[in-house]
N, C-alpha and C. Protein backbone atom coordinates (compact mmCIF):
# COMPACT_ATOMS: atom_id res chain seq x y z
N UNK A 1 0.85 -1.17 0.00
CA UNK A 1 0.00 0.00 0.00
C UNK A 1 0.90 1.24 0.00
N UNK A 2 0.87 2.03 -1.04
CA UNK A 2 1.73 3.22 -1.09
C UNK A 2 1.24 4.25 -0.07
N UNK A 3 2.19 4.81 0.66
CA UNK A 3 1.86 5.82 1.66
C UNK A 3 1.78 7.19 1.02
N UNK A 4 0.80 7.96 1.43
CA UNK A 4 0.64 9.33 0.92
C UNK A 4 1.77 10.20 1.44
N UNK A 5 2.17 11.19 0.65
CA UNK A 5 3.21 12.12 1.05
C UNK A 5 2.59 13.46 1.39
N UNK A 6 3.02 14.06 2.48
CA UNK A 6 2.53 15.34 2.95
C UNK A 6 3.72 16.28 3.05
N UNK A 7 3.42 17.55 3.29
CA UNK A 7 4.51 18.51 3.44
C UNK A 7 5.41 18.14 4.62
N UNK A 8 4.86 17.41 5.58
CA UNK A 8 5.64 16.99 6.75
C UNK A 8 6.24 15.61 6.57
N UNK A 9 6.14 15.02 5.39
CA UNK A 9 6.69 13.69 5.14
C UNK A 9 5.60 12.67 4.91
N UNK A 10 6.01 11.44 4.66
CA UNK A 10 5.03 10.38 4.41
C UNK A 10 4.28 10.04 5.70
N UNK A 11 3.17 9.37 5.53
CA UNK A 11 2.39 8.95 6.69
C UNK A 11 3.22 8.02 7.58
N UNK A 12 4.02 7.16 6.96
CA UNK A 12 4.89 6.27 7.72
C UNK A 12 5.90 7.07 8.53
N UNK A 13 6.50 8.10 7.91
CA UNK A 13 7.45 8.96 8.64
C UNK A 13 6.76 9.66 9.80
N UNK A 14 5.56 10.16 9.57
CA UNK A 14 4.81 10.83 10.63
C UNK A 14 4.51 9.85 11.76
N UNK A 15 4.17 8.62 11.40
CA UNK A 15 3.89 7.58 12.39
C UNK A 15 5.13 7.35 13.27
N UNK A 16 6.27 7.05 12.63
CA UNK A 16 7.48 6.71 13.38
C UNK A 16 8.01 7.88 14.21
N UNK A 17 7.73 9.12 13.80
CA UNK A 17 8.23 10.27 14.56
C UNK A 17 7.56 10.41 15.92
N UNK A 18 6.47 9.65 16.16
CA UNK A 18 5.75 9.78 17.42
C UNK A 18 5.58 8.44 18.14
N UNK A 19 6.53 7.52 17.89
CA UNK A 19 6.49 6.21 18.53
C UNK A 19 7.74 6.03 19.38
N UNK A 20 7.56 5.59 20.62
CA UNK A 20 8.67 5.24 21.50
C UNK A 20 8.62 3.74 21.71
N UNK A 21 9.70 3.06 21.33
CA UNK A 21 9.75 1.61 21.46
C UNK A 21 10.30 1.25 22.84
N UNK A 22 9.52 0.44 23.57
CA UNK A 22 9.96 -0.08 24.86
C UNK A 22 10.13 -1.59 24.70
N UNK A 23 10.66 -2.29 25.70
CA UNK A 23 10.84 -3.74 25.55
C UNK A 23 9.55 -4.50 25.25
N UNK A 24 8.42 -3.96 25.63
CA UNK A 24 7.14 -4.63 25.34
C UNK A 24 6.34 -3.86 24.32
N UNK A 25 5.68 -2.82 24.78
CA UNK A 25 4.82 -2.02 23.92
C UNK A 25 5.60 -0.97 23.15
N UNK A 26 5.07 -0.62 21.98
CA UNK A 26 5.54 0.54 21.24
C UNK A 26 4.51 1.62 21.52
N UNK A 27 4.90 2.67 22.21
CA UNK A 27 3.95 3.66 22.70
C UNK A 27 3.84 4.87 21.80
N UNK A 28 2.62 5.20 21.44
CA UNK A 28 2.33 6.39 20.65
C UNK A 28 2.41 7.59 21.58
N UNK A 29 3.21 8.60 21.19
CA UNK A 29 3.40 9.78 22.03
C UNK A 29 2.68 11.00 21.47
N UNK A 30 2.02 10.84 20.33
CA UNK A 30 1.30 11.95 19.71
C UNK A 30 -0.09 12.12 20.30
N UNK A 31 -0.96 12.72 19.51
CA UNK A 31 -2.33 13.01 19.94
C UNK A 31 -3.06 11.71 20.30
N UNK A 32 -3.97 11.84 21.28
CA UNK A 32 -4.74 10.68 21.73
C UNK A 32 -6.21 11.04 21.87
N UNK A 33 -7.06 10.02 21.78
CA UNK A 33 -8.48 10.21 22.04
C UNK A 33 -8.69 10.31 23.54
N UNK A 34 -9.90 10.63 23.96
CA UNK A 34 -10.17 10.72 25.40
C UNK A 34 -10.05 9.37 26.09
N UNK A 35 -10.03 8.29 25.31
CA UNK A 35 -9.87 6.95 25.87
C UNK A 35 -8.42 6.47 25.82
N UNK A 36 -7.51 7.32 25.35
CA UNK A 36 -6.09 7.00 25.35
C UNK A 36 -5.55 6.37 24.08
N UNK A 37 -6.40 6.17 23.08
CA UNK A 37 -5.95 5.60 21.81
C UNK A 37 -5.24 6.68 21.00
N UNK A 38 -4.09 6.32 20.40
CA UNK A 38 -3.38 7.27 19.57
C UNK A 38 -4.19 7.60 18.34
N UNK A 39 -4.05 8.84 17.88
CA UNK A 39 -4.75 9.25 16.67
C UNK A 39 -3.84 10.12 15.83
N UNK A 40 -4.09 10.07 14.53
CA UNK A 40 -3.33 10.87 13.57
C UNK A 40 -4.32 11.37 12.53
N UNK A 41 -4.05 12.53 11.98
CA UNK A 41 -4.94 13.10 10.97
C UNK A 41 -4.53 12.61 9.58
N UNK A 42 -5.51 12.14 8.84
CA UNK A 42 -5.29 11.67 7.48
C UNK A 42 -6.41 12.23 6.62
N UNK A 43 -6.04 13.10 5.67
CA UNK A 43 -7.02 13.75 4.80
C UNK A 43 -8.11 14.44 5.62
N UNK A 44 -7.69 15.17 6.64
CA UNK A 44 -8.58 15.94 7.52
C UNK A 44 -9.52 15.07 8.34
N UNK A 45 -9.24 13.79 8.46
CA UNK A 45 -10.03 12.88 9.29
C UNK A 45 -9.10 12.18 10.27
N UNK A 46 -9.59 11.98 11.46
CA UNK A 46 -8.80 11.28 12.46
C UNK A 46 -8.76 9.79 12.19
N UNK A 47 -7.60 9.18 12.42
CA UNK A 47 -7.43 7.74 12.28
C UNK A 47 -6.72 7.24 13.52
N UNK A 48 -7.16 6.12 14.05
CA UNK A 48 -6.49 5.54 15.21
C UNK A 48 -5.19 4.90 14.75
N UNK A 49 -4.10 5.20 15.44
CA UNK A 49 -2.78 4.77 14.98
C UNK A 49 -2.52 3.29 15.16
N UNK A 50 -3.22 2.60 16.05
CA UNK A 50 -3.00 1.16 16.13
C UNK A 50 -3.52 0.49 14.84
N UNK A 51 -4.54 1.07 14.23
CA UNK A 51 -5.03 0.56 12.94
C UNK A 51 -4.00 0.86 11.85
N UNK A 52 -3.42 2.06 11.89
CA UNK A 52 -2.38 2.42 10.92
C UNK A 52 -1.18 1.49 11.08
N UNK A 53 -0.77 1.22 12.30
CA UNK A 53 0.35 0.32 12.55
C UNK A 53 0.06 -1.06 11.98
N UNK A 54 -1.15 -1.54 12.17
CA UNK A 54 -1.52 -2.85 11.63
C UNK A 54 -1.36 -2.83 10.10
N UNK A 55 -1.84 -1.78 9.46
CA UNK A 55 -1.75 -1.69 7.99
C UNK A 55 -0.30 -1.58 7.52
N UNK A 56 0.52 -0.83 8.23
CA UNK A 56 1.93 -0.68 7.85
C UNK A 56 2.67 -2.01 7.97
N UNK A 57 2.46 -2.72 9.08
CA UNK A 57 3.26 -3.90 9.38
C UNK A 57 2.65 -5.23 8.95
N UNK A 58 1.33 -5.32 8.89
CA UNK A 58 0.69 -6.61 8.62
C UNK A 58 -0.08 -6.61 7.30
N UNK A 59 -0.89 -5.59 7.09
CA UNK A 59 -1.64 -5.52 5.83
C UNK A 59 -2.99 -4.85 5.99
N UNK A 60 -3.78 -4.95 4.94
CA UNK A 60 -5.08 -4.30 4.88
C UNK A 60 -6.02 -4.90 5.93
N UNK A 61 -6.80 -4.02 6.54
CA UNK A 61 -7.80 -4.45 7.52
C UNK A 61 -9.10 -4.70 6.77
N UNK A 62 -9.61 -5.93 6.81
CA UNK A 62 -10.87 -6.22 6.12
C UNK A 62 -12.01 -5.34 6.66
N UNK A 63 -12.99 -5.07 5.81
CA UNK A 63 -14.13 -4.26 6.19
C UNK A 63 -14.85 -4.90 7.39
N UNK A 64 -15.36 -4.06 8.25
CA UNK A 64 -16.10 -4.47 9.46
C UNK A 64 -15.24 -5.22 10.48
N UNK A 65 -13.94 -5.05 10.41
CA UNK A 65 -13.06 -5.68 11.39
C UNK A 65 -12.42 -4.60 12.27
N UNK A 66 -12.24 -4.94 13.53
CA UNK A 66 -11.57 -4.06 14.48
C UNK A 66 -10.15 -4.56 14.68
N UNK A 67 -9.27 -3.65 15.08
CA UNK A 67 -7.91 -4.03 15.47
C UNK A 67 -7.87 -3.95 16.99
N UNK A 68 -7.63 -5.08 17.62
CA UNK A 68 -7.68 -5.19 19.08
C UNK A 68 -6.27 -5.31 19.66
N UNK A 69 -6.15 -5.01 20.94
CA UNK A 69 -4.87 -5.07 21.65
C UNK A 69 -4.79 -6.31 22.53
N UNK A 70 -3.77 -7.12 22.36
CA UNK A 70 -3.51 -8.23 23.28
C UNK A 70 -3.07 -7.67 24.63
N UNK A 71 -2.28 -6.60 24.60
CA UNK A 71 -1.68 -6.02 25.81
C UNK A 71 -2.64 -5.13 26.58
N UNK A 72 -3.73 -4.73 25.97
CA UNK A 72 -4.73 -3.86 26.60
C UNK A 72 -4.18 -2.48 26.95
N UNK A 73 -3.19 -2.02 26.18
CA UNK A 73 -2.64 -0.67 26.34
C UNK A 73 -3.12 0.14 25.14
N UNK A 74 -4.05 1.09 25.35
CA UNK A 74 -4.67 1.78 24.22
C UNK A 74 -3.70 2.48 23.27
N UNK A 75 -2.60 3.04 23.77
CA UNK A 75 -1.68 3.76 22.89
C UNK A 75 -0.53 2.89 22.38
N UNK A 76 -0.65 1.55 22.53
CA UNK A 76 0.37 0.64 22.00
C UNK A 76 0.13 0.43 20.51
N UNK A 77 1.22 0.50 19.73
CA UNK A 77 1.14 0.29 18.29
C UNK A 77 2.04 -0.86 17.83
N UNK A 78 2.52 -1.68 18.78
CA UNK A 78 3.37 -2.82 18.44
C UNK A 78 2.52 -3.84 17.67
N UNK A 79 2.88 -4.15 16.42
CA UNK A 79 2.07 -5.08 15.64
C UNK A 79 1.96 -6.47 16.26
N UNK A 80 2.94 -6.86 17.07
CA UNK A 80 2.88 -8.16 17.75
C UNK A 80 1.80 -8.17 18.84
N UNK A 81 1.33 -6.99 19.23
CA UNK A 81 0.31 -6.88 20.27
C UNK A 81 -1.08 -6.67 19.68
N UNK A 82 -1.18 -6.64 18.36
CA UNK A 82 -2.45 -6.33 17.69
C UNK A 82 -3.02 -7.56 17.01
N UNK A 83 -4.35 -7.66 16.98
CA UNK A 83 -5.01 -8.75 16.26
C UNK A 83 -6.37 -8.27 15.78
N UNK A 84 -6.88 -8.94 14.76
CA UNK A 84 -8.17 -8.59 14.18
C UNK A 84 -9.31 -9.30 14.89
N UNK A 85 -10.45 -8.65 14.94
CA UNK A 85 -11.65 -9.28 15.47
C UNK A 85 -12.88 -8.52 15.02
N UNK A 86 -13.98 -9.23 14.88
CA UNK A 86 -15.22 -8.56 14.52
C UNK A 86 -15.83 -7.96 15.80
N UNK A 87 -17.01 -7.36 15.68
CA UNK A 87 -17.61 -6.69 16.83
C UNK A 87 -17.87 -7.65 17.99
N UNK A 88 -18.30 -8.87 17.68
CA UNK A 88 -18.57 -9.84 18.75
C UNK A 88 -17.29 -10.19 19.51
N UNK A 89 -16.20 -10.38 18.80
CA UNK A 89 -14.92 -10.69 19.44
C UNK A 89 -14.44 -9.49 20.26
N UNK A 90 -14.63 -8.29 19.72
CA UNK A 90 -14.25 -7.07 20.43
C UNK A 90 -15.02 -6.95 21.74
N UNK A 91 -16.34 -7.18 21.70
CA UNK A 91 -17.15 -7.10 22.92
C UNK A 91 -16.73 -8.16 23.93
N UNK A 92 -16.48 -9.38 23.45
CA UNK A 92 -16.05 -10.48 24.34
C UNK A 92 -14.70 -10.14 24.97
N UNK A 93 -13.78 -9.60 24.18
CA UNK A 93 -12.45 -9.21 24.67
C UNK A 93 -12.59 -8.13 25.75
N UNK A 94 -13.43 -7.13 25.52
CA UNK A 94 -13.65 -6.06 26.50
C UNK A 94 -14.19 -6.63 27.81
N UNK A 95 -15.16 -7.51 27.69
CA UNK A 95 -15.78 -8.09 28.89
C UNK A 95 -14.77 -8.93 29.67
N UNK A 96 -14.00 -9.77 28.96
CA UNK A 96 -13.02 -10.63 29.62
C UNK A 96 -11.93 -9.83 30.32
N UNK A 97 -11.60 -8.66 29.78
CA UNK A 97 -10.56 -7.82 30.37
C UNK A 97 -11.13 -6.82 31.38
N UNK A 98 -12.44 -6.91 31.63
CA UNK A 98 -13.06 -6.05 32.63
C UNK A 98 -13.17 -4.60 32.23
N UNK A 99 -13.29 -4.33 30.93
CA UNK A 99 -13.38 -2.95 30.46
C UNK A 99 -14.78 -2.55 30.05
N UNK A 100 -15.76 -3.43 30.23
CA UNK A 100 -17.13 -3.09 29.89
C UNK A 100 -17.70 -2.19 30.98
N UNK A 101 -18.43 -1.19 30.57
CA UNK A 101 -19.04 -0.28 31.54
C UNK A 101 -20.27 -0.95 32.12
N UNK A 102 -20.11 -1.51 33.29
CA UNK A 102 -21.21 -2.20 33.94
C UNK A 102 -21.44 -1.60 35.31
N UNK A 103 -22.64 -1.78 35.82
CA UNK A 103 -22.96 -1.27 37.14
C UNK A 103 -22.83 0.24 37.21
N UNK A 104 -22.28 0.73 38.29
CA UNK A 104 -22.17 2.17 38.49
C UNK A 104 -21.24 2.84 37.48
N UNK A 105 -20.32 2.08 36.87
CA UNK A 105 -19.40 2.68 35.89
C UNK A 105 -20.09 2.95 34.55
N UNK A 106 -21.29 2.40 34.37
CA UNK A 106 -22.06 2.68 33.18
C UNK A 106 -22.62 4.09 33.32
N UNK A 107 -22.31 4.96 32.38
CA UNK A 107 -22.73 6.35 32.45
C UNK A 107 -24.23 6.56 32.53
N UNK A 108 -25.02 5.57 32.13
CA UNK A 108 -26.48 5.69 32.17
C UNK A 108 -27.07 5.12 33.46
N UNK A 109 -26.24 4.61 34.34
CA UNK A 109 -26.73 3.99 35.56
C UNK A 109 -27.35 5.04 36.48
N UNK A 110 -28.51 4.72 37.02
CA UNK A 110 -29.19 5.60 37.96
C UNK A 110 -28.99 5.09 39.39
N UNK A 111 -28.94 3.78 39.53
CA UNK A 111 -28.84 3.16 40.84
C UNK A 111 -27.39 2.86 41.23
N UNK A 112 -27.15 2.78 42.51
CA UNK A 112 -25.84 2.38 43.02
C UNK A 112 -25.86 0.88 43.31
N UNK A 113 -24.70 0.32 43.52
CA UNK A 113 -24.59 -1.10 43.84
C UNK A 113 -25.36 -1.43 45.12
N UNK A 114 -25.26 -0.57 46.11
CA UNK A 114 -25.96 -0.79 47.38
C UNK A 114 -27.47 -0.79 47.17
N UNK A 115 -27.98 0.14 46.35
CA UNK A 115 -29.42 0.18 46.08
C UNK A 115 -29.87 -1.10 45.37
N UNK A 116 -29.07 -1.57 44.42
CA UNK A 116 -29.43 -2.78 43.68
C UNK A 116 -29.42 -3.99 44.61
N UNK A 117 -28.46 -4.06 45.51
CA UNK A 117 -28.43 -5.15 46.49
C UNK A 117 -29.71 -5.14 47.34
N UNK A 118 -30.15 -3.95 47.72
CA UNK A 118 -31.40 -3.84 48.50
C UNK A 118 -32.60 -4.28 47.67
N UNK A 119 -32.63 -3.90 46.38
CA UNK A 119 -33.71 -4.31 45.49
C UNK A 119 -33.77 -5.84 45.43
N UNK A 120 -32.63 -6.46 45.30
CA UNK A 120 -32.57 -7.93 45.23
C UNK A 120 -33.05 -8.55 46.54
N UNK A 121 -32.62 -7.98 47.66
CA UNK A 121 -33.02 -8.50 48.97
C UNK A 121 -34.51 -8.29 49.27
N UNK A 122 -35.12 -7.31 48.63
CA UNK A 122 -36.54 -7.00 48.87
C UNK A 122 -37.47 -7.75 47.91
N UNK A 123 -36.90 -8.55 47.03
CA UNK A 123 -37.72 -9.30 46.07
C UNK A 123 -38.74 -10.15 46.81
N UNK A 124 -40.01 -9.99 46.45
CA UNK A 124 -41.08 -10.74 47.10
C UNK A 124 -41.54 -10.16 48.41
N UNK A 125 -40.83 -9.15 48.92
CA UNK A 125 -41.21 -8.53 50.20
C UNK A 125 -41.92 -7.20 49.94
N UNK A 126 -41.33 -6.38 49.10
CA UNK A 126 -41.92 -5.10 48.73
C UNK A 126 -42.26 -5.19 47.24
N UNK A 127 -43.47 -4.79 46.84
CA UNK A 127 -43.84 -4.85 45.41
C UNK A 127 -42.90 -4.02 44.53
N UNK A 128 -42.69 -4.50 43.32
CA UNK A 128 -41.79 -3.82 42.38
C UNK A 128 -42.19 -2.37 42.18
N UNK A 129 -43.49 -2.12 42.04
CA UNK A 129 -43.96 -0.75 41.81
C UNK A 129 -43.55 0.17 42.95
N UNK A 130 -43.65 -0.32 44.19
CA UNK A 130 -43.28 0.48 45.36
C UNK A 130 -41.76 0.71 45.40
N UNK A 131 -40.97 -0.33 45.12
CA UNK A 131 -39.51 -0.18 45.07
C UNK A 131 -39.11 0.86 44.02
N UNK A 132 -39.76 0.75 42.85
CA UNK A 132 -39.46 1.68 41.76
C UNK A 132 -39.73 3.12 42.18
N UNK A 133 -40.88 3.34 42.82
CA UNK A 133 -41.24 4.69 43.26
C UNK A 133 -40.24 5.21 44.30
N UNK A 134 -39.85 4.34 45.24
CA UNK A 134 -38.90 4.73 46.28
C UNK A 134 -37.55 5.16 45.69
N UNK A 135 -37.14 4.48 44.60
CA UNK A 135 -35.81 4.72 44.03
C UNK A 135 -35.84 5.67 42.82
N UNK A 136 -37.02 6.06 42.39
CA UNK A 136 -37.13 6.99 41.26
C UNK A 136 -36.79 6.35 39.92
N UNK A 137 -37.12 5.07 39.79
CA UNK A 137 -36.89 4.36 38.52
C UNK A 137 -38.20 3.70 38.10
N UNK A 138 -38.21 3.12 36.92
CA UNK A 138 -39.42 2.46 36.44
C UNK A 138 -39.57 1.07 37.05
N UNK A 139 -40.80 0.57 37.02
CA UNK A 139 -41.08 -0.78 37.50
C UNK A 139 -40.31 -1.79 36.66
N UNK A 140 -40.17 -1.52 35.35
CA UNK A 140 -39.44 -2.45 34.49
C UNK A 140 -37.96 -2.55 34.88
N UNK A 141 -37.38 -1.45 35.37
CA UNK A 141 -35.99 -1.48 35.85
C UNK A 141 -35.86 -2.45 37.02
N UNK A 142 -36.80 -2.39 37.95
CA UNK A 142 -36.78 -3.30 39.10
C UNK A 142 -36.97 -4.73 38.62
N UNK A 143 -37.90 -4.94 37.69
CA UNK A 143 -38.13 -6.27 37.15
C UNK A 143 -36.91 -6.85 36.47
N UNK A 144 -36.18 -6.02 35.72
CA UNK A 144 -34.96 -6.49 35.05
C UNK A 144 -33.89 -6.89 36.06
N UNK A 145 -33.81 -6.18 37.15
CA UNK A 145 -32.86 -6.54 38.21
C UNK A 145 -33.28 -7.88 38.82
N UNK A 146 -34.54 -8.02 39.14
CA UNK A 146 -35.04 -9.27 39.74
C UNK A 146 -34.85 -10.46 38.81
N UNK A 147 -35.03 -10.27 37.50
CA UNK A 147 -34.88 -11.38 36.54
C UNK A 147 -33.43 -11.61 36.12
N UNK A 148 -32.50 -10.78 36.61
CA UNK A 148 -31.09 -10.94 36.27
C UNK A 148 -30.73 -10.44 34.87
N UNK A 149 -31.58 -9.57 34.31
CA UNK A 149 -31.32 -9.00 32.99
C UNK A 149 -30.39 -7.80 33.08
N UNK A 150 -30.38 -7.13 34.19
CA UNK A 150 -29.46 -6.01 34.41
C UNK A 150 -28.78 -6.21 35.76
N UNK A 151 -27.63 -5.61 35.94
CA UNK A 151 -26.83 -5.74 37.15
C UNK A 151 -26.54 -7.20 37.44
N UNK A 152 -26.16 -7.96 36.40
CA UNK A 152 -25.89 -9.39 36.53
C UNK A 152 -24.71 -9.68 37.46
N UNK A 153 -23.84 -8.71 37.64
CA UNK A 153 -22.65 -8.94 38.47
C UNK A 153 -23.01 -9.05 39.96
N UNK A 154 -24.22 -8.62 40.31
CA UNK A 154 -24.66 -8.69 41.70
C UNK A 154 -25.66 -9.83 41.81
N UNK A 155 -25.43 -10.71 42.77
CA UNK A 155 -26.34 -11.85 42.95
C UNK A 155 -26.92 -11.87 44.33
């Protein structure tokens, strides 16, 4: 794949100018996303540099495929630490590494872990509608907790 040339050099040159090689990870020292992934501008669009590293060192990324990190270091661009996966593999990898936003770490969560534990302990004692009103959530939220559809990490 021929690399585009810019006034600041080729894309490959721009890539290498912002990489620090350590014994394990190759760390991107340039711009990063709010989640810590390296990014570089290409044709006025942001591109994640671990994907660029994969393309430079391994080859073309098939459509609908993600480039995942074995090392779980977002700004690592070492091709030995990268592998391809579809969305299902990406979600499974996130969950196995404990990076899924669950419970209180989920930005949409209204309840705390302690409140959910109380909801579980009150199952069959206080009606769902009353629990929901007390906590300011819907009856369906309480039902999902009771059925194990949400807050599965708490038993």
